[in-house]
Amino acid sequence: MPATIERAFELAGSGACRTLQELRLQLRREGCEFVEFHLAGRLTKTQLTALMARPPSHPGPAPQKL
């Protein structure tokens, strides 16, 4: 499993999540740890929000079902 921050960027770029809240929930569903810590930085939130706002550039990994 990729690191939490790597998975956050994968999900954000894939179009699987549309908001930071959806992204946080999906990361927790997948068993990622310290989600709030990893997504706390202002620059990180800005980058993830920008990725989620644009159409997906390529189909990324779908959310994992547990």
Protein backbone atom coordinates (compact mmCIF):
# COMPACT_ATOMS: atom_id res chain seq x y z
CA MET A 1 0.00 0.00 0.00
CA PRO A 2 1.38 3.43 -0.87
CA ALA A 3 2.07 5.97 1.85
CA THR A 4 -0.90 8.06 2.97
CA ILE A 5 0.22 11.21 1.19
CA GLU A 6 0.98 9.31 -2.02
CA ARG A 7 -2.43 7.66 -1.96
CA ALA A 8 -4.07 11.05 -1.32
CA PHE A 9 -2.53 12.45 -4.49
CA GLU A 10 -3.48 9.32 -6.46
CA LEU A 11 -7.11 9.61 -5.38
CA ALA A 12 -7.22 13.38 -5.95
CA GLY A 13 -5.86 13.03 -9.48
CA SER A 14 -8.06 10.07 -10.36
CA GLY A 15 -11.36 11.88 -9.90
CA ALA A 16 -12.46 9.40 -7.22
CA CYS A 17 -12.88 12.19 -4.65
CA ARG A 18 -14.30 15.66 -5.21
CA THR A 19 -13.62 17.30 -1.84
CA LEU A 20 -11.04 17.11 0.92
CA GLN A 21 -13.68 15.58 3.19
CA GLU A 22 -14.38 12.79 0.68
CA LEU A 23 -10.63 12.27 0.32
CA ARG A 24 -10.12 12.00 4.09
CA LEU A 25 -12.98 9.52 4.41
CA GLN A 26 -11.71 7.36 1.57
CA LEU A 27 -8.18 7.29 2.99
CA ARG A 28 -9.56 6.17 6.36
CA ARG A 29 -11.68 3.48 4.66
CA GLU A 30 -8.52 2.16 3.04
CA GLY A 31 -6.80 1.95 6.41
CA CYS A 32 -4.38 4.85 6.00
CA GLU A 33 -3.03 6.19 9.26
CA PHE A 34 -2.62 9.76 10.51
CA VAL A 35 -4.77 11.14 7.69
CA GLU A 36 -5.32 14.52 9.37
CA PHE A 37 -1.61 14.90 10.02
CA HIS A 38 -0.68 14.17 6.40
CA LEU A 39 -3.31 16.51 4.97
CA ALA A 40 -2.84 19.34 7.49
CA GLY A 41 -0.45 21.54 5.52
CA ARG A 42 -1.83 24.52 3.64
CA LEU A 43 0.20 23.77 0.51
CA THR A 44 -0.85 20.10 0.57
CA LYS A 45 -4.53 21.05 0.83
CA THR A 46 -4.13 23.60 -1.98
CA GLN A 47 -2.45 21.06 -4.26
CA LEU A 48 -5.01 18.33 -3.55
CA THR A 49 -7.93 20.73 -4.05
CA ALA A 50 -6.48 21.86 -7.39
CA LEU A 51 -6.09 18.24 -8.52
CA MET A 52 -9.67 17.42 -7.57
CA ALA A 53 -10.99 20.51 -9.39
CA ARG A 54 -9.67 19.47 -12.79
CA PRO A 55 -10.75 16.52 -14.89
CA PRO A 56 -8.71 13.37 -14.30
CA SER A 57 -5.74 13.19 -16.66
CA HIS A 58 -5.73 9.41 -16.63
CA PRO A 59 -7.71 6.71 -14.90
CA GLY A 60 -5.97 6.16 -11.59
CA PRO A 61 -6.42 3.45 -9.04
CA ALA A 62 -10.01 3.20 -7.94
CA PRO A 63 -10.85 3.41 -4.26
CA GLN A 64 -10.05 0.14 -2.56
CA LYS A 65 -12.96 -1.74 -1.06
CA LEU A 66 -12.28 -3.41 2.24
